[in-house]
């Protein structure tokens, strides 16, 4: 009797195991059929992410054509109100000197002994230089006397709400001044971004000669972890020839760790006294990319003929 009961239990166990195997087999079969009919989400490895080296989004704005084109001056920069950038090589009229002396300025100094820059508060005011303008009723010529160390030069004076602190040991990322001719580019990194500063143009053959148009100087940025590429237009010249667009400084001037720029568009393109432009990143709409802050203001006294400025009293 015990043997019979044991055989019965063994038979039940075998039947149970077989049932489990059949159920599992049916589930696997149904799942396989379902997966074969449902659409699959796949990653297309052939589609690369954006690269800094990709063509700029700043498309050509001029179509070269025989018979001329638009005006040469088409600067993308306007700057913000109530800011100033003044060159220290400038000579001023009395009216201009009185106006500038109402403001406080920070100067950008360069020390050739260590190849570093510094921003320092300027306490000197614009004053008479001891020269007279012989072509304008012997008007006094004013200048900005700045006490400097040996091998130290001063480039510009800034009046804006972003460069307000004195800094030392500032380095330019690029060896400046650097002429940014078409085809030239600079790669660098700052904080969480990689950057590419690149100059390009368009070349068209018109009546047997090559004509250059759509010069663009663009700064592009991308996070080091990848993702979208952003860019800002630094300079745009519709009709470009042998005039130089020069990079005067590339580094951090406003103390936020991101790259600021100073460029010179060359007077022949601007046809005004505003050829220099200051770009800063602090409070820029595009994080980590600079925006135009100030266009250079030239001194109103420019020596146009030999002997125009004479020593006072002679």
C-alpha atoms as a PDB file:
ATOM      1  CA  UNK A   1       0.000   0.000   0.000  1.00  0.00           C
ATOM      2  CA  UNK A   2       2.813   2.348   0.855  1.00  0.00           C
ATOM      3  CA  UNK A   3       4.535   1.509  -2.394  1.00  0.00           C
ATOM      4  CA  UNK A   4       1.360   2.340  -4.343  1.00  0.00           C
ATOM      5  CA  UNK A   5       1.022   5.718  -2.600  1.00  0.00           C
ATOM      6  CA  UNK A   6       4.642   6.522  -3.349  1.00  0.00           C
ATOM      7  CA  UNK A   7       4.167   5.737  -7.051  1.00  0.00           C
ATOM      8  CA  UNK A   8       1.045   7.943  -7.104  1.00  0.00           C
ATOM      9  CA  UNK A   9       2.935  10.912  -5.638  1.00  0.00           C
ATOM     10  CA  UNK A  10       5.746  10.448  -8.102  1.00  0.00           C
ATOM     11  CA  UNK A  11       3.266  10.474 -10.984  1.00  0.00           C
ATOM     12  CA  UNK A  12       1.668  13.703  -9.714  1.00  0.00           C
ATOM     13  CA  UNK A  13       5.101  15.350  -9.454  1.00  0.00           C
ATOM     14  CA  UNK A  14       5.977  14.368 -13.009  1.00  0.00           C
ATOM     15  CA  UNK A  15       2.640  15.700 -14.312  1.00  0.00           C
ATOM     16  CA  UNK A  16       3.179  18.988 -12.434  1.00  0.00           C
ATOM     17  CA  UNK A  17       6.653  19.447 -13.868  1.00  0.00           C
ATOM     18  CA  UNK A  18       5.425  18.745 -17.388  1.00  0.00           C
ATOM     19  CA  UNK A  19       2.614  21.289 -16.922  1.00  0.00           C
ATOM     20  CA  UNK A  20       5.059  23.977 -15.823  1.00  0.00           C
ATOM     21  CA  UNK A  21       7.315  23.305 -18.806  1.00  0.00           C
ATOM     22  CA  UNK A  22       4.365  23.559 -21.221  1.00  0.00           C
ATOM     23  CA  UNK A  23       3.117  26.837 -19.704  1.00  0.00           C
ATOM     24  CA  UNK A  24       6.568  28.421 -19.824  1.00  0.00           C
ATOM     25  CA  UNK A  25       7.013  27.266 -23.406  1.00  0.00           C
ATOM     26  CA  UNK A  26       3.683  28.796 -24.461  1.00  0.00           C
ATOM     27  CA  UNK A  27       4.570  32.136 -22.760  1.00  0.00           C
ATOM     28  CA  UNK A  28       7.938  32.290 -24.520  1.00  0.00           C
ATOM     29  CA  UNK A  29       6.337  31.553 -27.869  1.00  0.00           C
ATOM     30  CA  UNK A  30       3.681  34.258 -27.440  1.00  0.00           C
ATOM     31  CA  UNK A  31       6.273  36.811 -26.312  1.00  0.00           C
ATOM     32  CA  UNK A  32       8.449  36.045 -29.330  1.00  0.00           C
ATOM     33  CA  UNK A  33       5.513  36.521 -31.699  1.00  0.00           C
ATOM     34  CA  UNK A  34       4.534  39.790 -30.007  1.00  0.00           C
ATOM     35  CA  UNK A  35       8.062  41.195 -30.197  1.00  0.00           C
ATOM     36  CA  UNK A  36       8.328  40.335 -33.864  1.00  0.00           C
ATOM     37  CA  UNK A  37       5.198  42.321 -34.727  1.00  0.00           C
ATOM     38  CA  UNK A  38       5.748  45.411 -32.516  1.00  0.00           C
ATOM     39  CA  UNK A  39       7.842  48.299 -33.955  1.00  0.00           C
ATOM     40  CA  UNK A  40      11.336  48.476 -32.482  1.00  0.00           C
ATOM     41  CA  UNK A  41      13.104  51.664 -31.339  1.00  0.00           C
ATOM     42  CA  UNK A  42      16.654  51.696 -32.711  1.00  0.00           C
ATOM     43  CA  UNK A  43      19.540  54.160 -32.446  1.00  0.00           C
ATOM     44  CA  UNK A  44      20.846  55.280 -35.828  1.00  0.00           C
ATOM     45  CA  UNK A  45      24.590  55.274 -35.298  1.00  0.00           C
ATOM     46  CA  UNK A  46      25.076  56.897 -38.700  1.00  0.00           C
ATOM     47  CA  UNK A  47      23.754  60.238 -37.401  1.00  0.00           C
ATOM     48  CA  UNK A  48      26.604  62.074 -35.661  1.00  0.00           C
ATOM     49  CA  UNK A  49      26.029  64.831 -33.113  1.00  0.00           C
ATOM     50  CA  UNK A  50      26.839  68.452 -33.885  1.00  0.00           C
ATOM     51  CA  UNK A  51      30.511  69.340 -34.099  1.00  0.00           C
ATOM     52  CA  UNK A  52      32.292  72.631 -33.572  1.00  0.00           C
ATOM     53  CA  UNK A  53      33.910  72.170 -36.978  1.00  0.00           C
ATOM     54  CA  UNK A  54      30.534  72.017 -38.779  1.00  0.00           C
ATOM     55  CA  UNK A  55      29.658  74.894 -41.142  1.00  0.00           C
ATOM     56  CA  UNK A  56      28.399  78.025 -39.432  1.00  0.00           C
ATOM     57  CA  UNK A  57      24.702  78.780 -39.157  1.00  0.00           C
ATOM     58  CA  UNK A  58      25.499  82.331 -40.292  1.00  0.00           C
ATOM     59  CA  UNK A  59      24.494  81.896 -43.929  1.00  0.00           C
ATOM     60  CA  UNK A  60      25.864  84.179 -46.675  1.00  0.00           C
ATOM     61  CA  UNK A  61      23.968  87.457 -46.748  1.00  0.00           C
ATOM     62  CA  UNK A  62      25.330  88.850 -50.018  1.00  0.00           C
ATOM     63  CA  UNK A  63      25.209  87.429 -53.519  1.00  0.00           C
ATOM     64  CA  UNK A  64      28.209  88.575 -55.527  1.00  0.00           C
ATOM     65  CA  UNK A  65      27.110  90.183 -58.770  1.00  0.00           C
ATOM     66  CA  UNK A  66      28.653  92.410 -61.416  1.00  0.00           C
ATOM     67  CA  UNK A  67      27.925  96.057 -60.898  1.00  0.00           C
ATOM     68  CA  UNK A  68      28.688  96.450 -57.228  1.00  0.00           C
ATOM     69  CA  UNK A  69      26.878  95.544 -54.071  1.00  0.00           C
ATOM     70  CA  UNK A  70      25.783  96.826 -50.681  1.00  0.00           C
ATOM     71  CA  UNK A  71      27.698  99.264 -48.538  1.00  0.00           C
ATOM     72  CA  UNK A  72      30.878  97.957 -46.950  1.00  0.00           C
ATOM     73  CA  UNK A  73      29.775  98.826 -43.457  1.00  0.00           C
ATOM     74  CA  UNK A  74      27.420  96.191 -42.081  1.00  0.00           C
ATOM     75  CA  UNK A  75      28.641  95.626 -38.542  1.00  0.00           C
ATOM     76  CA  UNK A  76      26.547  93.217 -36.456  1.00  0.00           C
ATOM     77  CA  UNK A  77      27.493  95.133 -33.318  1.00  0.00           C
ATOM     78  CA  UNK A  78      25.697  98.006 -31.689  1.00  0.00           C
ATOM     79  CA  UNK A  79      26.785  97.720 -28.078  1.00  0.00           C
ATOM     80  CA  UNK A  80      24.813  98.897 -25.077  1.00  0.00           C
ATOM     81  CA  UNK A  81      24.060 102.523 -24.098  1.00  0.00           C
ATOM     82  CA  UNK A  82      26.166 104.563 -21.687  1.00  0.00           C
ATOM     83  CA  UNK A  83      29.385 102.600 -22.194  1.00  0.00           C
ATOM     84  CA  UNK A  84      32.723 103.799 -23.521  1.00  0.00           C
ATOM     85  CA  UNK A  85      35.913 102.312 -24.926  1.00  0.00           C
ATOM     86  CA  UNK A  86      38.645 104.853 -25.650  1.00  0.00           C
ATOM     87  CA  UNK A  87      42.040 104.234 -27.209  1.00  0.00           C
ATOM     88  CA  UNK A  88      45.005 105.682 -25.331  1.00  0.00           C
ATOM     89  CA  UNK A  89      46.687 106.679 -28.569  1.00  0.00           C
ATOM     90  CA  UNK A  90      43.883 109.201 -29.090  1.00  0.00           C
ATOM     91  CA  UNK A  91      44.194 112.978 -28.861  1.00  0.00           C
ATOM     92  CA  UNK A  92      41.162 114.926 -27.692  1.00  0.00           C
ATOM     93  CA  UNK A  93      39.524 118.287 -28.040  1.00  0.00           C
ATOM     94  CA  UNK A  94      38.673 120.263 -24.912  1.00  0.00           C
ATOM     95  CA  UNK A  95      34.979 119.430 -25.310  1.00  0.00           C
ATOM     96  CA  UNK A  96      35.700 115.719 -25.555  1.00  0.00           C
ATOM     97  CA  UNK A  97      38.102 115.846 -22.594  1.00  0.00           C
ATOM     98  CA  UNK A  98      35.471 117.481 -20.375  1.00  0.00           C
ATOM     99  CA  UNK A  99      32.898 114.840 -21.324  1.00  0.00           C
ATOM    100  CA  UNK A 100      35.200 111.871 -20.690  1.00  0.00           C
ATOM    101  CA  UNK A 101      36.416 113.306 -17.394  1.00  0.00           C
ATOM    102  CA  UNK A 102      32.868 112.949 -16.021  1.00  0.00           C
ATOM    103  CA  UNK A 103      33.227 109.149 -16.060  1.00  0.00           C
ATOM    104  CA  UNK A 104      35.315 106.603 -14.192  1.00  0.00           C
ATOM    105  CA  UNK A 105      37.464 104.275 -16.296  1.00  0.00           C
ATOM    106  CA  UNK A 106      39.237 100.942 -15.998  1.00  0.00           C
ATOM    107  CA  UNK A 107      42.356 100.580 -18.140  1.00  0.00           C
ATOM    108  CA  UNK A 108      43.629  97.474 -19.912  1.00  0.00           C
ATOM    109  CA  UNK A 109      47.401  97.355 -19.346  1.00  0.00           C
ATOM    110  CA  UNK A 110      49.927  95.023 -20.979  1.00  0.00           C
ATOM    111  CA  UNK A 111      53.271  94.131 -19.399  1.00  0.00           C
ATOM    112  CA  UNK A 112      55.725  92.882 -22.021  1.00  0.00           C
ATOM    113  CA  UNK A 113      58.107  91.562 -19.347  1.00  0.00           C
ATOM    114  CA  UNK A 114      55.710  88.747 -18.428  1.00  0.00           C
ATOM    115  CA  UNK A 115      53.337  88.906 -21.416  1.00  0.00           C
ATOM    116  CA  UNK A 116      50.334  89.388 -19.187  1.00  0.00           C
ATOM    117  CA  UNK A 117      47.487  91.885 -18.972  1.00  0.00           C
ATOM    118  CA  UNK A 118      45.879  93.655 -16.050  1.00  0.00           C
ATOM    119  CA  UNK A 119      42.828  95.825 -15.503  1.00  0.00           C
ATOM    120  CA  UNK A 120      43.527  98.846 -13.298  1.00  0.00           C
ATOM    121  CA  UNK A 121      41.502 101.797 -12.177  1.00  0.00           C
ATOM    122  CA  UNK A 122      42.516 105.035 -13.931  1.00  0.00           C
ATOM    123  CA  UNK A 123      42.794 107.987 -11.596  1.00  0.00           C
ATOM    124  CA  UNK A 124      44.425 110.395 -14.075  1.00  0.00           C
ATOM    125  CA  UNK A 125      42.171 112.755 -15.999  1.00  0.00           C
ATOM    126  CA  UNK A 126      42.541 113.886 -19.584  1.00  0.00           C
ATOM    127  CA  UNK A 127      44.513 117.131 -19.560  1.00  0.00           C
ATOM    128  CA  UNK A 128      46.289 119.539 -21.960  1.00  0.00           C
ATOM    129  CA  UNK A 129      49.182 117.856 -23.762  1.00  0.00           C
ATOM    130  CA  UNK A 130      51.145 121.060 -24.407  1.00  0.00           C
ATOM    131  CA  UNK A 131      50.311 120.869 -28.129  1.00  0.00           C
ATOM    132  CA  UNK A 132      48.184 123.220 -30.198  1.00  0.00           C
ATOM    133  CA  UNK A 133      46.182 122.442 -33.321  1.00  0.00           C
ATOM    134  CA  UNK A 134      47.594 124.823 -35.936  1.00  0.00           C
ATOM    135  CA  UNK A 135      44.768 124.028 -38.363  1.00  0.00           C
ATOM    136  CA  UNK A 136      41.988 124.839 -35.885  1.00  0.00           C
ATOM    137  CA  UNK A 137      42.734 128.292 -34.458  1.00  0.00           C
ATOM    138  CA  UNK A 138      45.491 126.948 -32.211  1.00  0.00           C
ATOM    139  CA  UNK A 139      43.043 124.953 -30.123  1.00  0.00           C
ATOM    140  CA  UNK A 140      44.709 123.045 -27.256  1.00  0.00           C
ATOM    141  CA  UNK A 141      45.154 119.317 -27.787  1.00  0.00           C
ATOM    142  CA  UNK A 142      44.353 117.078 -24.815  1.00  0.00           C
ATOM    143  CA  UNK A 143      45.711 113.641 -23.959  1.00  0.00           C
ATOM    144  CA  UNK A 144      45.564 110.993 -21.221  1.00  0.00           C
ATOM    145  CA  UNK A 145      48.785 110.975 -19.168  1.00  0.00           C
ATOM    146  CA  UNK A 146      49.155 107.619 -17.476  1.00  0.00           C
ATOM    147  CA  UNK A 147      52.078 106.718 -15.195  1.00  0.00           C
ATOM    148  CA  UNK A 148      53.366 103.373 -16.469  1.00  0.00           C
ATOM    149  CA  UNK A 149      56.112 100.976 -15.561  1.00  0.00           C
ATOM    150  CA  UNK A 150      58.941 100.225 -17.958  1.00  0.00           C
ATOM    151  CA  UNK A 151      57.841  97.765 -20.664  1.00  0.00           C
ATOM    152  CA  UNK A 152      54.190  98.429 -19.805  1.00  0.00           C
ATOM    153  CA  UNK A 153      51.657  99.675 -22.320  1.00  0.00           C
ATOM    154  CA  UNK A 154      48.021 100.630 -21.999  1.00  0.00           C
ATOM    155  CA  UNK A 155      45.571  99.691 -24.726  1.00  0.00           C
ATOM    156  CA  UNK A 156      42.083 100.930 -23.916  1.00  0.00           C
ATOM    157  CA  UNK A 157      40.064 102.618 -21.202  1.00  0.00           C
ATOM    158  CA  UNK A 158      36.668 101.044 -20.447  1.00  0.00           C
ATOM    159  CA  UNK A 159      33.605 102.538 -18.875  1.00  0.00           C
ATOM    160  CA  UNK A 160      30.916  99.867 -18.449  1.00  0.00           C
ATOM    161  CA  UNK A 161      29.144  98.008 -15.616  1.00  0.00           C
ATOM    162  CA  UNK A 162      31.001  94.726 -16.248  1.00  0.00           C
ATOM    163  CA  UNK A 163      34.714  95.564 -15.978  1.00  0.00           C
ATOM    164  CA  UNK A 164      34.793  97.160 -12.540  1.00  0.00           C
ATOM    165  CA  UNK A 165      37.369  95.152 -10.565  1.00  0.00           C
ATOM    166  CA  UNK A 166      41.139  95.363 -10.767  1.00  0.00           C
ATOM    167  CA  UNK A 167      42.685  92.083 -11.971  1.00  0.00           C
ATOM    168  CA  UNK A 168      46.244  91.004 -12.623  1.00  0.00           C
ATOM    169  CA  UNK A 169      47.933  88.092 -14.407  1.00  0.00           C
ATOM    170  CA  UNK A 170      45.380  88.045 -17.218  1.00  0.00           C
ATOM    171  CA  UNK A 171      46.540  86.048 -20.221  1.00  0.00           C
ATOM    172  CA  UNK A 172      45.422  86.258 -23.816  1.00  0.00           C
ATOM    173  CA  UNK A 173      44.539  82.844 -25.222  1.00  0.00           C
ATOM    174  CA  UNK A 174      45.852  83.862 -28.645  1.00  0.00           C
ATOM    175  CA  UNK A 175      49.085  85.589 -29.597  1.00  0.00           C
ATOM    176  CA  UNK A 176      47.781  89.047 -30.359  1.00  0.00           C
ATOM    177  CA  UNK A 177      47.466  91.140 -32.360  1.00  0.00           C
ATOM    178  CA  UNK A 178      46.405  88.461 -34.837  1.00  0.00           C
ATOM    179  CA  UNK A 179      45.016  89.139 -38.303  1.00  0.00           C
ATOM    180  CA  UNK A 180      41.988  86.870 -38.810  1.00  0.00           C
ATOM    181  CA  UNK A 181      42.146  86.314 -42.546  1.00  0.00           C
ATOM    182  CA  UNK A 182      39.636  83.919 -44.144  1.00  0.00           C
ATOM    183  CA  UNK A 183      40.486  80.311 -43.314  1.00  0.00           C
ATOM    184  CA  UNK A 184      42.132  81.052 -39.972  1.00  0.00           C
ATOM    185  CA  UNK A 185      40.715  79.442 -36.823  1.00  0.00           C
ATOM    186  CA  UNK A 186      41.577  79.106 -33.128  1.00  0.00           C
ATOM    187  CA  UNK A 187      40.459  76.249 -30.865  1.00  0.00           C
ATOM    188  CA  UNK A 188      40.473  76.594 -27.080  1.00  0.00           C
ATOM    189  CA  UNK A 189      38.581  75.627 -23.915  1.00  0.00           C
ATOM    190  CA  UNK A 190      37.246  77.550 -20.911  1.00  0.00           C
ATOM    191  CA  UNK A 191      35.429  76.048 -17.943  1.00  0.00           C
ATOM    192  CA  UNK A 192      32.795  73.580 -19.280  1.00  0.00           C
ATOM    193  CA  UNK A 193      32.975  74.652 -22.942  1.00  0.00           C
ATOM    194  CA  UNK A 194      35.082  74.002 -26.022  1.00  0.00           C
ATOM    195  CA  UNK A 195      35.344  76.949 -28.429  1.00  0.00           C
ATOM    196  CA  UNK A 196      36.186  77.603 -32.065  1.00  0.00           C
ATOM    197  CA  UNK A 197      36.893  81.101 -33.405  1.00  0.00           C
ATOM    198  CA  UNK A 198      36.823  80.891 -37.201  1.00  0.00           C
ATOM    199  CA  UNK A 199      37.020  83.323 -40.135  1.00  0.00           C
ATOM    200  CA  UNK A 200      35.461  82.422 -43.496  1.00  0.00           C
ATOM    201  CA  UNK A 201      34.425  84.142 -46.712  1.00  0.00           C
ATOM    202  CA  UNK A 202      32.801  83.465 -50.078  1.00  0.00           C
ATOM    203  CA  UNK A 203      34.743  83.713 -53.359  1.00  0.00           C
ATOM    204  CA  UNK A 204      33.056  84.343 -56.717  1.00  0.00           C
ATOM    205  CA  UNK A 205      34.563  84.971 -60.127  1.00  0.00           C
ATOM    206  CA  UNK A 206      33.285  88.196 -61.665  1.00  0.00           C
ATOM    207  CA  UNK A 207      34.527  89.347 -65.063  1.00  0.00           C
ATOM    208  CA  UNK A 208      37.561  87.106 -64.839  1.00  0.00           C
ATOM    209  CA  UNK A 209      38.653  88.095 -61.321  1.00  0.00           C
ATOM    210  CA  UNK A 210      37.994  86.599 -57.901  1.00  0.00           C
ATOM    211  CA  UNK A 211      35.891  88.728 -55.595  1.00  0.00           C
ATOM    212  CA  UNK A 212      35.593  88.052 -51.873  1.00  0.00           C
ATOM    213  CA  UNK A 213      32.319  88.612 -50.069  1.00  0.00           C
ATOM    214  CA  UNK A 214      30.554  87.616 -46.864  1.00  0.00           C
ATOM    215  CA  UNK A 215      33.529  87.710 -44.552  1.00  0.00           C
ATOM    216  CA  UNK A 216      32.370  86.309 -41.215  1.00  0.00           C
ATOM    217  CA  UNK A 217      34.228  85.933 -37.941  1.00  0.00           C
ATOM    218  CA  UNK A 218      32.235  83.563 -35.739  1.00  0.00           C
ATOM    219  CA  UNK A 219      32.808  82.207 -32.230  1.00  0.00           C
ATOM    220  CA  UNK A 220      31.230  78.780 -31.689  1.00  0.00           C
ATOM    221  CA  UNK A 221      30.843  76.931 -28.380  1.00  0.00           C
ATOM    222  CA  UNK A 222      29.846  73.445 -27.267  1.00  0.00           C
ATOM    223  CA  UNK A 223      29.848  71.804 -23.849  1.00  0.00           C
ATOM    224  CA  UNK A 224      32.711  69.362 -23.315  1.00  0.00           C
ATOM    225  CA  UNK A 225      30.106  66.647 -22.731  1.00  0.00           C
ATOM    226  CA  UNK A 226      28.640  67.261 -26.193  1.00  0.00           C
ATOM    227  CA  UNK A 227      25.248  68.613 -27.200  1.00  0.00           C
ATOM    228  CA  UNK A 228      24.138  71.546 -29.354  1.00  0.00           C
ATOM    229  CA  UNK A 229      26.584  74.082 -30.787  1.00  0.00           C
ATOM    230  CA  UNK A 230      25.893  77.777 -30.186  1.00  0.00           C
ATOM    231  CA  UNK A 231      27.591  80.656 -31.964  1.00  0.00           C
ATOM    232  CA  UNK A 232      27.830  84.417 -32.039  1.00  0.00           C
ATOM    233  CA  UNK A 233      28.758  86.612 -34.993  1.00  0.00           C
ATOM    234  CA  UNK A 234      31.838  88.676 -34.136  1.00  0.00           C
ATOM    235  CA  UNK A 235      32.358  90.475 -37.456  1.00  0.00           C
ATOM    236  CA  UNK A 236      30.610  90.543 -40.813  1.00  0.00           C
ATOM    237  CA  UNK A 237      31.826  92.378 -43.924  1.00  0.00           C
ATOM    238  CA  UNK A 238      29.761  92.005 -47.127  1.00  0.00           C
ATOM    239  CA  UNK A 239      32.572  93.017 -49.510  1.00  0.00           C
ATOM    240  CA  UNK A 240      36.015  92.053 -48.318  1.00  0.00           C
ATOM    241  CA  UNK A 241      39.435  92.839 -49.804  1.00  0.00           C
ATOM    242  CA  UNK A 242      42.853  93.428 -48.285  1.00  0.00           C
ATOM    243  CA  UNK A 243      41.767  95.230 -45.116  1.00  0.00           C
ATOM    244  CA  UNK A 244      42.569  93.348 -41.930  1.00  0.00           C
ATOM    245  CA  UNK A 245      40.135  92.278 -39.246  1.00  0.00           C
ATOM    246  CA  UNK A 246      42.430  91.985 -36.242  1.00  0.00           C
ATOM    247  CA  UNK A 247      41.986  90.125 -32.969  1.00  0.00           C
ATOM    248  CA  UNK A 248      43.371  92.425 -30.257  1.00  0.00           C
ATOM    249  CA  UNK A 249      42.602  90.312 -27.188  1.00  0.00           C
ATOM    250  CA  UNK A 250      41.070  86.914 -26.370  1.00  0.00           C
ATOM    251  CA  UNK A 251      40.692  86.065 -22.692  1.00  0.00           C
ATOM    252  CA  UNK A 252      38.716  86.799 -19.530  1.00  0.00           C
ATOM    253  CA  UNK A 253      38.352  90.512 -18.816  1.00  0.00           C
ATOM    254  CA  UNK A 254      35.169  90.597 -16.719  1.00  0.00           C
ATOM    255  CA  UNK A 255      36.202  87.895 -14.251  1.00  0.00           C
ATOM    256  CA  UNK A 256      33.591  85.212 -14.983  1.00  0.00           C
ATOM    257  CA  UNK A 257      36.027  82.666 -16.470  1.00  0.00           C
ATOM    258  CA  UNK A 258      34.633  82.777 -20.024  1.00  0.00           C
ATOM    259  CA  UNK A 259      36.384  84.303 -23.081  1.00  0.00           C
ATOM    260  CA  UNK A 260      35.970  87.989 -23.894  1.00  0.00           C
ATOM    261  CA  UNK A 261      37.203  89.584 -27.117  1.00  0.00           C
ATOM    262  CA  UNK A 262      38.561  92.825 -28.485  1.00  0.00           C
ATOM    263  CA  UNK A 263      38.617  93.165 -32.279  1.00  0.00           C
ATOM    264  CA  UNK A 264      39.459  95.854 -34.810  1.00  0.00           C
ATOM    265  CA  UNK A 265      37.357  95.833 -37.975  1.00  0.00           C
ATOM    266  CA  UNK A 266      39.691  98.293 -39.774  1.00  0.00           C
ATOM    267  CA  UNK A 267      38.594 101.831 -40.575  1.00  0.00           C
ATOM    268  CA  UNK A 268      38.245 101.153 -44.286  1.00  0.00           C
ATOM    269  CA  UNK A 269      35.261  98.913 -43.585  1.00  0.00           C
ATOM    270  CA  UNK A 270      33.551 100.922 -40.891  1.00  0.00           C
ATOM    271  CA  UNK A 271      34.065 104.314 -42.541  1.00  0.00           C
ATOM    272  CA  UNK A 272      33.676 105.748 -39.038  1.00  0.00           C
ATOM    273  CA  UNK A 273      35.859 106.137 -35.972  1.00  0.00           C
ATOM    274  CA  UNK A 274      34.303 103.046 -34.443  1.00  0.00           C
ATOM    275  CA  UNK A 275      36.470 100.181 -35.659  1.00  0.00           C
ATOM    276  CA  UNK A 276      37.247  98.514 -32.327  1.00  0.00           C
ATOM    277  CA  UNK A 277      34.600  96.431 -30.556  1.00  0.00           C
ATOM    278  CA  UNK A 278      34.571  94.988 -27.028  1.00  0.00           C
ATOM    279  CA  UNK A 279      32.721  91.699 -26.450  1.00  0.00           C
ATOM    280  CA  UNK A 280      32.014  90.453 -22.911  1.00  0.00           C
ATOM    281  CA  UNK A 281      30.368  87.288 -21.578  1.00  0.00           C
ATOM    282  CA  UNK A 282      29.044  88.511 -18.231  1.00  0.00           C
ATOM    283  CA  UNK A 283      25.226  88.521 -18.337  1.00  0.00           C
ATOM    284  CA  UNK A 284      25.265  87.539 -22.021  1.00  0.00           C
ATOM    285  CA  UNK A 285      22.075  86.044 -23.423  1.00  0.00           C
ATOM    286  CA  UNK A 286      24.039  83.008 -24.647  1.00  0.00           C
ATOM    287  CA  UNK A 287      25.793  81.483 -21.650  1.00  0.00           C
ATOM    288  CA  UNK A 288      29.556  81.324 -22.130  1.00  0.00           C
ATOM    289  CA  UNK A 289      29.460  83.343 -25.367  1.00  0.00           C
ATOM    290  CA  UNK A 290      30.206  87.091 -25.501  1.00  0.00           C
ATOM    291  CA  UNK A 291      27.997  89.871 -26.785  1.00  0.00           C
ATOM    292  CA  UNK A 292      29.004  93.330 -28.083  1.00  0.00           C
ATOM    293  CA  UNK A 293      29.274  95.893 -25.301  1.00  0.00           C
ATOM    294  CA  UNK A 294      31.039  98.961 -26.678  1.00  0.00           C
ATOM    295  CA  UNK A 295      32.299 100.344 -29.966  1.00  0.00           C
ATOM    296  CA  UNK A 296      35.572 102.273 -29.842  1.00  0.00           C
ATOM    297  CA  UNK A 297      35.375 106.043 -29.582  1.00  0.00           C
ATOM    298  CA  UNK A 298      38.238 107.836 -31.277  1.00  0.00           C
ATOM    299  CA  UNK A 299      39.780 111.062 -30.149  1.00  0.00           C
ATOM    300  CA  UNK A 300      38.414 113.983 -32.127  1.00  0.00           C
ATOM    301  CA  UNK A 301      41.901 115.363 -32.729  1.00  0.00           C
ATOM    302  CA  UNK A 302      43.625 113.499 -35.543  1.00  0.00           C
ATOM    303  CA  UNK A 303      46.849 114.785 -37.067  1.00  0.00           C
ATOM    304  CA  UNK A 304      46.119 114.794 -40.794  1.00  0.00           C
ATOM    305  CA  UNK A 305      49.002 116.905 -42.058  1.00  0.00           C
ATOM    306  CA  UNK A 306      52.652 117.194 -41.051  1.00  0.00           C
ATOM    307  CA  UNK A 307      53.182 119.921 -38.494  1.00  0.00           C
ATOM    308  CA  UNK A 308      49.472 120.225 -37.630  1.00  0.00           C
ATOM    309  CA  UNK A 309      50.223 119.877 -33.901  1.00  0.00           C
ATOM    310  CA  UNK A 310      52.763 122.386 -32.641  1.00  0.00           C
ATOM    311  CA  UNK A 311      54.314 122.847 -29.199  1.00  0.00           C
ATOM    312  CA  UNK A 312      52.457 125.434 -27.148  1.00  0.00           C
ATOM    313  CA  UNK A 313      54.279 128.753 -26.880  1.00  0.00           C
ATOM    314  CA  UNK A 314      56.393 128.301 -30.012  1.00  0.00           C
END
